[in-house]
Amino acid sequence: MFALVEAWHAGLFRRRYWLPNIVAGLIVGVVALPLGMAFAIASGVKPEQGLYTAIVAGLCVSVFGGSRVQIAGPTGAFIVILADIVAQYGIDGLQIATLMAGAILVLLALFRLGAVIRYIPPPVIIGFTAGIGVIIWVGQWKDFFGLSVSPEGHFHQKLWALVQAFPDLSWAVTVVALVSLVLVVVPRWLPYRLGRIPGPLLALVVMTLMQALFGFEWLPTIGSVYGDIPRALPTFQSLDWEYARWLQLLGPALAIAMLGAIESLLSASVADRMAGTRHHSNRELFGQGLANIFSPLFGGFAATGAIARTATNIRSGGSSPIAGIVHALTLILIILVLAPYAGHVPLATLAAILFVVAWNMSEIPHALTLFRRASWLDTLTLLVTFTLTVLLDLVVAVCIGVVLSWLQFIPRLKPHKNTTG
């Protein structure tokens, strides 16, 4: 229990720290509600599985992770990989791959490889996160604009199918999505106290109440497409232990583990800068590994450190694992009390939330700064990583991006002179 023990030694379990961490946990739990369902649907699984993932992974990382303030759960970075795995191997295949990825993360921690993963060059990280952001954005056009097409195939094939379907878009659904988008972003420009209202929560509550009151039959909702969310806690479920199936899913598991390691350590580093803490890389990988082992055993899927929710935790006063634990308990309470109302959530609203997630992931301002100041090789690395992520494969993109980044160090290496002759 690394995070708990460290917080105990730091004196963060004293009475004066309890209230700020409980409040922070409540806020993060509410923020995680719409994001968990949105990420689950975009990944090709049921919305309640996103909530189960946030609960189980949130508890594991808060107790066993290497950062006192890290919040874990489903994230946008995983959507591309997970959606492909579900399309090829089904939900049960995704859960097997997730458990295998968790075991790989635990092995990375035991072999103390956390520090190595932290040094992936920034152009590579920006390139693949921007690529993922574009894929998420395009992937939400169907629900945002009410398109009837269900595109399949590679990114360019899906893009062309969506573009061809645009003449038949639903203006009514698009208006709902645009109003939702405004509600997501408007708190940023409100006065301080009102500005602390989470935009995704505001959009979710307002648009869900609207649909519950008026019951628009033309508006696709979670209930009309996926059925009602169970009013029950996640229960233990066994997985298929057939050897051939696990061997087949080794590649997807490695992809999940690699991206999970990068994302969790990146989130922990951001948390260190915000909170003045210092995370332990290998312990963080260990906690993330346990999270991905237990999550699929209780109906969830892949999880990692969530940068936006971790930042919300710190800004709300969270300073210890208590906040992460309360965040998970808040989601449990929401499922037990408010699950029947989740069926009224419009898919257009969740698409609007993911539009903003995609914009944040793209890091366009950061990329533009890098273009102005970086070397031509860094710029090339970013563009190649971005292009390969969108058109080919994330793992291939990262590997080639890292190789390109290393090339700029070769000219600096001085040949060894033999002085023995």
Protein backbone atom coordinates (compact mmCIF):
# COMPACT_ATOMS: atom_id res chain seq x y z
CA MET A 1 0.00 0.00 0.00
CA PHE A 2 2.60 2.45 -1.21
CA ALA A 3 0.50 5.58 -1.62
CA LEU A 4 -1.31 5.11 1.69
CA VAL A 5 1.92 4.48 3.61
CA GLU A 6 3.63 7.52 2.07
CA ALA A 7 0.62 9.71 2.87
CA TRP A 8 0.66 8.39 6.44
CA HIS A 9 4.34 9.23 6.90
CA ALA A 10 3.68 12.70 5.44
CA GLY A 11 1.01 13.30 8.10
CA LEU A 12 -1.81 13.64 5.57
CA PHE A 13 -4.23 11.51 7.60
CA ARG A 14 -4.53 14.14 10.30
CA ARG A 15 -7.99 15.49 10.96
CA ARG A 16 -7.45 18.83 9.22
CA TYR A 17 -6.74 17.09 5.88
CA TRP A 18 -9.86 14.93 5.82
CA LEU A 19 -12.45 17.50 4.73
CA PRO A 20 -10.47 18.96 1.78
CA ASN A 21 -9.76 15.46 0.46
CA ILE A 22 -13.35 14.30 0.87
CA VAL A 23 -14.62 17.38 -1.00
CA ALA A 24 -12.03 16.85 -3.75
CA GLY A 25 -13.03 13.19 -4.04
CA LEU A 26 -16.70 14.08 -4.37
CA ILE A 27 -15.96 16.62 -7.11
CA VAL A 28 -13.73 14.22 -9.06
CA GLY A 29 -16.29 11.43 -8.72
CA VAL A 30 -18.96 13.66 -10.25
CA VAL A 31 -16.59 14.69 -13.06
CA ALA A 32 -15.73 11.03 -13.73
CA LEU A 33 -19.39 10.11 -14.26
CA PRO A 34 -19.93 11.50 -17.78
CA LEU A 35 -16.34 10.83 -18.84
CA GLY A 36 -16.49 7.19 -17.76
CA MET A 37 -19.65 6.53 -19.78
CA ALA A 38 -18.42 8.50 -22.79
CA PHE A 39 -15.06 6.70 -22.93
CA ALA A 40 -16.77 3.33 -22.56
CA ILE A 41 -19.20 3.94 -25.42
CA ALA A 42 -16.42 5.30 -27.66
CA SER A 43 -14.35 2.18 -26.88
CA GLY A 44 -17.18 -0.10 -28.00
CA VAL A 45 -18.34 -1.38 -24.60
CA LYS A 46 -21.36 -0.70 -22.38
CA PRO A 47 -21.52 2.65 -20.52
CA GLU A 48 -21.69 1.02 -17.07
CA GLN A 49 -18.37 -0.70 -17.77
CA GLY A 50 -16.71 2.71 -17.83
CA LEU A 51 -18.05 3.38 -14.33
CA TYR A 52 -16.93 -0.05 -13.09
CA THR A 53 -13.47 0.66 -14.49
CA ALA A 54 -13.27 4.02 -12.70
CA ILE A 55 -14.34 2.41 -9.40
CA VAL A 56 -12.00 -0.58 -9.40
CA ALA A 57 -8.99 1.14 -11.00
CA GLY A 58 -9.51 4.24 -8.89
CA LEU A 59 -9.35 2.22 -5.68
CA CYS A 60 -6.31 0.15 -6.77
CA VAL A 61 -4.21 3.12 -7.89
CA SER A 62 -5.12 5.27 -4.89
CA VAL A 63 -4.06 2.50 -2.50
CA PHE A 64 -1.12 0.87 -4.31
CA GLY A 65 0.13 3.55 -6.75
CA GLY A 66 3.23 5.70 -6.56
CA SER A 67 1.51 9.10 -6.49
CA ARG A 68 -0.55 10.45 -3.58
CA VAL A 69 -2.89 12.42 -5.84
CA GLN A 70 -3.24 10.28 -8.97
CA ILE A 71 -6.80 9.54 -10.16
CA ALA A 72 -7.15 6.51 -12.45
CA GLY A 73 -9.89 5.31 -14.74
CA PRO A 74 -10.79 5.02 -18.42
CA THR A 75 -9.17 7.71 -20.57
CA GLY A 76 -9.44 9.08 -24.08
CA ALA A 77 -5.95 7.90 -24.96
CA PHE A 78 -7.14 4.28 -24.86
CA ILE A 79 -10.16 4.72 -27.13
CA VAL A 80 -8.40 3.98 -30.43
CA ILE A 81 -6.67 0.81 -29.23
CA LEU A 82 -9.64 -0.53 -27.27
CA ALA A 83 -12.16 0.07 -30.06
CA ASP A 84 -9.99 -1.91 -32.48
CA ILE A 85 -9.59 -4.76 -29.97
CA VAL A 86 -13.35 -4.93 -29.37
CA ALA A 87 -14.01 -4.92 -33.13
CA GLN A 88 -11.61 -7.85 -33.69
CA TYR A 89 -11.90 -9.91 -30.51
CA GLY A 90 -15.07 -8.79 -28.74
CA ILE A 91 -15.52 -7.43 -25.22
CA ASP A 92 -14.28 -10.66 -23.62
CA GLY A 93 -11.11 -10.38 -25.73
CA LEU A 94 -10.61 -6.81 -24.51
CA GLN A 95 -10.91 -7.95 -20.90
CA ILE A 96 -8.36 -10.73 -21.39
CA ALA A 97 -5.96 -8.30 -23.08
CA THR A 98 -6.47 -5.83 -20.22
CA LEU A 99 -5.60 -8.43 -17.58
CA MET A 100 -2.50 -9.45 -19.54
CA ALA A 101 -1.52 -5.77 -19.84
CA GLY A 102 -1.86 -5.45 -16.07
CA ALA A 103 0.52 -8.36 -15.57
CA ILE A 104 3.00 -6.76 -17.99
CA LEU A 105 2.84 -3.48 -16.06
CA VAL A 106 3.54 -5.33 -12.81
CA LEU A 107 6.58 -6.98 -14.44
CA LEU A 108 7.81 -3.57 -15.68
CA ALA A 109 7.57 -2.32 -12.11
CA LEU A 110 9.37 -5.34 -10.64
CA PHE A 111 12.20 -4.94 -13.17
CA ARG A 112 12.35 -1.21 -12.34
CA LEU A 113 11.73 0.02 -15.90
CA GLY A 114 9.57 2.98 -14.90
CA ALA A 115 12.38 5.49 -15.31
CA VAL A 116 13.05 4.31 -18.89
CA ILE A 117 9.46 4.91 -20.02
CA ARG A 118 9.50 8.44 -18.60
CA TYR A 119 12.14 9.51 -21.13
CA ILE A 120 10.08 9.07 -24.31
CA PRO A 121 10.76 12.35 -26.21
CA PRO A 122 8.10 15.10 -26.07
CA PRO A 123 7.63 15.27 -29.90
CA VAL A 124 6.62 11.59 -29.84
CA ILE A 125 4.14 12.12 -26.98
CA ILE A 126 2.61 15.19 -28.63
CA GLY A 127 2.45 13.41 -31.98
CA PHE A 128 0.58 10.35 -30.80
CA THR A 129 -1.74 12.21 -28.41
CA ALA A 130 -2.64 14.64 -31.21
CA GLY A 131 -3.27 11.69 -33.51
CA ILE A 132 -5.51 10.04 -30.94
CA GLY A 133 -7.36 13.34 -30.52
CA VAL A 134 -8.12 13.51 -34.26
CA ILE A 135 -9.34 9.90 -34.30
CA ILE A 136 -11.62 10.51 -31.30
CA TRP A 137 -13.00 13.70 -32.88
CA VAL A 138 -13.84 12.07 -36.19
CA GLY A 139 -15.19 9.00 -34.41
CA GLN A 140 -17.83 11.14 -32.66
CA TRP A 141 -19.25 12.73 -35.83
CA LYS A 142 -21.90 10.00 -36.10
CA ASP A 143 -23.50 10.79 -32.72
CA PHE A 144 -22.80 14.53 -32.82
CA PHE A 145 -24.49 15.07 -36.18
CA GLY A 146 -27.03 12.26 -35.98
CA LEU A 147 -25.61 10.39 -38.98
CA SER A 148 -27.18 7.04 -39.84
CA VAL A 149 -23.97 5.47 -41.18
CA SER A 150 -21.85 3.02 -39.11
CA PRO A 151 -18.39 3.34 -40.68
CA GLU A 152 -15.92 0.46 -40.54
CA GLY A 153 -12.37 -0.16 -41.71
CA HIS A 154 -9.29 2.05 -41.52
CA PHE A 155 -9.39 5.71 -40.52
CA HIS A 156 -9.50 7.04 -44.09
CA GLN A 157 -12.34 4.65 -44.96
CA LYS A 158 -14.36 5.74 -41.92
CA LEU A 159 -13.68 9.39 -42.68
CA TRP A 160 -14.85 9.06 -46.29
CA ALA A 161 -18.02 7.19 -45.23
CA LEU A 162 -18.86 9.92 -42.71
CA VAL A 163 -18.23 12.71 -45.22
CA GLN A 164 -20.54 11.01 -47.71
CA ALA A 165 -23.27 10.73 -45.04
CA PHE A 166 -23.20 14.44 -44.12
CA PRO A 167 -26.02 15.48 -46.52
CA ASP A 168 -28.38 13.32 -44.41
CA LEU A 169 -27.40 14.72 -41.00
CA SER A 170 -30.09 15.33 -38.39
CA TRP A 171 -30.36 19.06 -37.69
CA ALA A 172 -32.30 18.43 -34.48
CA VAL A 173 -29.62 16.11 -33.06
CA THR A 174 -26.91 18.55 -34.18
CA VAL A 175 -28.60 21.40 -32.29
CA VAL A 176 -28.70 19.25 -29.12
CA ALA A 177 -25.00 18.48 -29.61
CA LEU A 178 -24.09 22.15 -30.15
CA VAL A 179 -26.00 23.23 -27.03
CA SER A 180 -24.22 20.47 -25.11
CA LEU A 181 -20.86 21.67 -26.45
CA VAL A 182 -21.58 25.21 -25.27
CA LEU A 183 -22.51 23.91 -21.81
CA VAL A 184 -19.27 21.92 -21.62
CA VAL A 185 -17.02 24.91 -22.37
CA VAL A 186 -19.00 27.84 -20.90
CA PRO A 187 -17.89 27.39 -17.23
CA ARG A 188 -14.36 28.36 -18.28
CA TRP A 189 -15.52 31.95 -18.85
CA LEU A 190 -17.77 32.27 -15.80
CA PRO A 191 -16.78 34.05 -12.56
CA TYR A 192 -14.59 32.04 -10.19
CA ARG A 193 -17.21 30.25 -8.10
CA LEU A 194 -19.51 29.43 -11.02
CA GLY A 195 -16.48 28.57 -13.11
CA ARG A 196 -15.70 25.68 -10.78
CA ILE A 197 -18.78 23.80 -12.04
CA PRO A 198 -17.43 20.94 -14.23
CA GLY A 199 -18.54 21.59 -17.81
CA PRO A 200 -19.16 17.91 -18.64
CA LEU A 201 -21.37 17.57 -15.56
CA LEU A 202 -23.34 20.72 -16.43
CA ALA A 203 -24.01 19.45 -19.96
CA LEU A 204 -24.90 15.99 -18.72
CA VAL A 205 -27.40 17.19 -16.11
CA VAL A 206 -29.10 19.85 -18.25
CA MET A 207 -29.50 17.73 -21.38
CA THR A 208 -30.51 14.60 -19.46
CA LEU A 209 -33.23 16.54 -17.63
CA MET A 210 -34.41 17.95 -20.94
CA GLN A 211 -34.70 14.49 -22.46
CA ALA A 212 -36.38 13.08 -19.34
CA LEU A 213 -39.00 15.87 -19.41
CA PHE A 214 -39.76 15.94 -23.13
CA GLY A 215 -38.82 12.42 -24.24
CA PHE A 216 -37.75 13.25 -27.80
CA GLU A 217 -38.11 10.03 -29.78
CA TRP A 218 -35.73 11.23 -32.48
CA LEU A 219 -32.86 11.70 -30.01
CA PRO A 220 -30.66 8.60 -29.45
CA THR A 221 -29.91 8.04 -25.76
CA ILE A 222 -27.99 5.53 -23.66
CA GLY A 223 -31.26 3.76 -22.86
CA SER A 224 -32.53 3.57 -26.45
CA VAL A 225 -29.22 2.25 -27.81
CA TYR A 226 -27.57 0.33 -24.95
CA GLY A 227 -30.41 -0.37 -22.53
CA ASP A 228 -30.68 0.64 -18.87
CA ILE A 229 -27.61 0.82 -16.63
CA PRO A 230 -27.86 -1.85 -13.87
CA ARG A 231 -28.55 -0.48 -10.42
CA ALA A 232 -25.96 -2.76 -8.86
CA LEU A 233 -22.29 -2.94 -7.96
CA PRO A 234 -19.79 -4.70 -10.23
CA THR A 235 -19.47 -8.40 -9.44
CA PHE A 236 -16.64 -10.84 -10.00
CA GLN A 237 -16.65 -12.58 -13.38
CA SER A 238 -14.38 -15.28 -14.73
CA LEU A 239 -12.52 -14.93 -18.02
CA ASP A 240 -11.80 -17.41 -20.79
CA TRP A 241 -8.54 -19.12 -19.83
CA GLU A 242 -7.94 -20.86 -23.18
CA TYR A 243 -4.21 -20.71 -23.94
CA ALA A 244 -4.61 -20.07 -27.68
CA ARG A 245 -6.84 -17.06 -27.01
CA TRP A 246 -4.35 -15.49 -24.64
CA LEU A 247 -1.49 -16.03 -27.07
CA GLN A 248 -3.56 -14.35 -29.80
CA LEU A 249 -4.13 -11.30 -27.58
CA LEU A 250 -0.50 -10.81 -26.55
CA GLY A 251 0.04 -8.03 -29.14
CA PRO A 252 -3.00 -5.98 -28.04
CA ALA A 253 -1.98 -6.50 -24.41
CA LEU A 254 1.49 -5.09 -25.09
CA ALA A 255 -0.09 -2.06 -26.78
CA ILE A 256 -2.37 -1.43 -23.79
CA ALA A 257 0.52 -1.84 -21.35
CA MET A 258 2.82 0.52 -23.26
CA LEU A 259 0.22 3.26 -23.61
CA GLY A 260 -0.95 2.78 -20.02
CA ALA A 261 2.60 3.12 -18.71
CA ILE A 262 3.27 6.27 -20.73
CA GLU A 263 -0.04 7.90 -19.83
CA SER A 264 0.11 7.07 -16.11
CA LEU A 265 3.68 8.32 -15.66
CA LEU A 266 2.92 11.44 -17.70
CA SER A 267 -0.09 12.14 -15.49
CA ALA A 268 1.97 11.54 -12.34
CA SER A 269 4.63 13.98 -13.60
CA VAL A 270 1.99 16.64 -14.25
CA ALA A 271 0.63 16.04 -10.74
CA ASP A 272 4.13 16.53 -9.27
CA ARG A 273 4.44 19.94 -10.93
CA MET A 274 1.00 21.02 -9.72
CA ALA A 275 1.10 19.65 -6.17
CA GLY A 276 4.81 19.86 -5.40
CA THR A 277 4.98 16.09 -4.82
CA ARG A 278 7.37 13.46 -6.14
CA HIS A 279 5.95 10.21 -7.46
CA HIS A 280 7.68 6.83 -7.54
CA SER A 281 7.64 5.53 -11.13
CA ASN A 282 7.90 1.81 -10.43
CA ARG A 283 5.34 1.90 -7.65
CA GLU A 284 3.00 3.79 -9.97
CA LEU A 285 3.39 1.11 -12.63
CA PHE A 286 2.71 -1.55 -9.99
CA GLY A 287 -0.50 0.17 -8.92
CA GLN A 288 -1.59 0.61 -12.54
CA GLY A 289 -0.81 -3.05 -13.15
CA LEU A 290 -3.05 -4.17 -10.28
CA ALA A 291 -5.77 -1.82 -11.55
CA ASN A 292 -5.72 -3.49 -14.96
CA ILE A 293 -5.66 -6.98 -13.47
CA PHE A 294 -8.68 -6.44 -11.23
CA SER A 295 -10.71 -4.14 -13.51
CA PRO A 296 -11.68 -6.81 -16.09
CA LEU A 297 -12.42 -9.29 -13.30
CA PHE A 298 -15.20 -6.93 -12.15
CA GLY A 299 -16.66 -6.00 -15.53
CA GLY A 300 -14.30 -3.15 -16.41
CA PHE A 301 -11.59 -2.67 -19.01
CA ALA A 302 -8.25 -0.88 -19.43
CA ALA A 303 -7.45 2.07 -17.18
CA THR A 304 -4.58 4.45 -16.56
CA GLY A 305 -3.81 7.73 -14.83
CA ALA A 306 -6.26 10.41 -15.96
CA ILE A 307 -4.53 13.77 -16.33
CA ALA A 308 -7.69 15.90 -16.34
CA ARG A 309 -9.24 14.19 -13.30
CA THR A 310 -5.92 14.22 -11.44
CA ALA A 311 -5.59 17.97 -12.10
CA THR A 312 -9.19 18.49 -10.93
CA ASN A 313 -8.36 16.57 -7.76
CA ILE A 314 -5.37 18.79 -6.98
CA ARG A 315 -7.22 22.04 -7.79
CA SER A 316 -10.09 20.95 -5.53
CA GLY A 317 -7.80 20.44 -2.54
CA GLY A 318 -6.89 16.76 -2.85
CA SER A 319 -3.54 15.91 -1.27
CA SER A 320 -3.78 12.25 -0.26
CA PRO A 321 -5.20 8.91 -1.47
CA ILE A 322 -8.34 9.65 0.54
CA ALA A 323 -9.58 11.78 -2.38
CA GLY A 324 -9.12 8.92 -4.87
CA ILE A 325 -10.92 6.49 -2.58
CA VAL A 326 -13.81 8.92 -2.07
CA HIS A 327 -13.98 9.41 -5.85
CA ALA A 328 -14.60 5.67 -6.27
CA LEU A 329 -17.15 5.57 -3.42
CA THR A 330 -18.98 8.53 -5.01
CA LEU A 331 -19.37 6.59 -8.26
CA ILE A 332 -20.69 3.59 -6.31
CA LEU A 333 -23.30 5.82 -4.65
CA ILE A 334 -24.27 7.35 -8.00
CA ILE A 335 -24.78 3.90 -9.56
CA LEU A 336 -26.94 2.72 -6.66
CA VAL A 337 -29.10 5.87 -6.57
CA LEU A 338 -29.13 7.49 -10.01
CA ALA A 339 -28.66 4.58 -12.44
CA PRO A 340 -32.30 4.67 -13.69
CA TYR A 341 -31.84 8.24 -14.93
CA ALA A 342 -28.74 7.41 -17.00
CA GLY A 343 -30.93 5.95 -19.74
CA HIS A 344 -32.02 9.52 -20.66
CA VAL A 345 -28.45 10.71 -21.36
CA PRO A 346 -28.30 11.82 -25.04
CA LEU A 347 -25.46 10.29 -27.05
CA ALA A 348 -25.07 13.70 -28.71
CA THR A 349 -24.14 15.14 -25.31
CA LEU A 350 -21.50 12.48 -24.73
CA ALA A 351 -20.17 13.18 -28.23
CA ALA A 352 -19.87 16.88 -27.37
CA ILE A 353 -17.94 16.00 -24.21
CA LEU A 354 -15.56 13.87 -26.28
CA PHE A 355 -15.14 16.73 -28.77
CA VAL A 356 -13.63 18.77 -25.94
CA VAL A 357 -11.55 15.80 -24.77
CA ALA A 358 -10.19 15.43 -28.31
CA TRP A 359 -9.29 19.13 -28.46
CA ASN A 360 -7.48 18.94 -25.12
CA MET A 361 -5.59 15.82 -26.21
CA SER A 362 -4.48 17.39 -29.49
CA GLU A 363 -2.40 19.99 -27.60
CA ILE A 364 -2.46 22.29 -30.61
CA PRO A 365 -0.96 25.32 -28.75
CA HIS A 366 1.90 23.12 -27.48
CA ALA A 367 2.46 21.67 -30.96
CA LEU A 368 2.57 25.13 -32.54
CA THR A 369 5.15 26.24 -29.96
CA LEU A 370 7.25 23.19 -30.74
CA PHE A 371 7.06 23.92 -34.48
CA ARG A 372 8.43 27.44 -33.89
CA ARG A 373 11.24 26.55 -31.53
CA ALA A 374 12.24 22.93 -32.15
CA SER A 375 14.77 21.50 -34.59
CA TRP A 376 13.66 20.21 -37.97
CA LEU A 377 14.14 16.62 -36.77
CA ASP A 378 11.85 17.16 -33.76
CA THR A 379 9.24 18.65 -36.10
CA LEU A 380 9.61 15.72 -38.48
CA THR A 381 9.31 13.28 -35.57
CA LEU A 382 6.07 14.89 -34.41
CA LEU A 383 4.55 14.88 -37.91
CA VAL A 384 5.57 11.28 -38.64
CA THR A 385 4.29 10.05 -35.27
CA PHE A 386 1.01 11.92 -35.77
CA THR A 387 0.51 10.60 -39.31
CA LEU A 388 1.31 6.99 -38.42
CA THR A 389 -0.96 7.13 -35.37
CA VAL A 390 -3.90 8.29 -37.48
CA LEU A 391 -3.35 6.16 -40.56
CA LEU A 392 -1.56 3.05 -39.32
CA ASP A 393 -0.97 1.98 -35.72
CA LEU A 394 -0.14 3.64 -32.40
CA VAL A 395 2.60 1.19 -31.40
CA VAL A 396 4.34 1.47 -34.76
CA ALA A 397 4.04 5.27 -34.58
CA VAL A 398 5.68 5.47 -31.15
CA CYS A 399 8.50 3.07 -32.07
CA ILE A 400 9.37 4.94 -35.27
CA GLY A 401 9.01 8.29 -33.50
CA VAL A 402 11.47 7.24 -30.78
CA VAL A 403 13.97 6.04 -33.41
CA LEU A 404 13.72 9.36 -35.28
CA SER A 405 14.27 11.27 -32.02
CA TRP A 406 17.36 9.24 -31.23
CA LEU A 407 18.85 10.02 -34.65
CA GLN A 408 19.58 13.60 -33.62
CA PHE A 409 21.92 12.34 -30.89
CA ILE A 410 24.08 10.25 -33.23
CA PRO A 411 26.12 13.21 -34.60
CA ARG A 412 26.96 14.22 -31.03
CA LEU A 413 28.58 10.87 -30.28
CA LYS A 414 32.35 11.10 -30.50
CA PRO A 415 34.25 8.06 -31.82
CA HIS A 416 36.36 6.26 -29.24
CA LYS A 417 40.07 6.74 -29.81
CA ASN A 418 42.28 3.70 -29.36
CA THR A 419 45.25 4.87 -27.26
CA THR A 420 46.76 1.46 -26.65
CA GLY A 421 48.68 1.28 -29.97
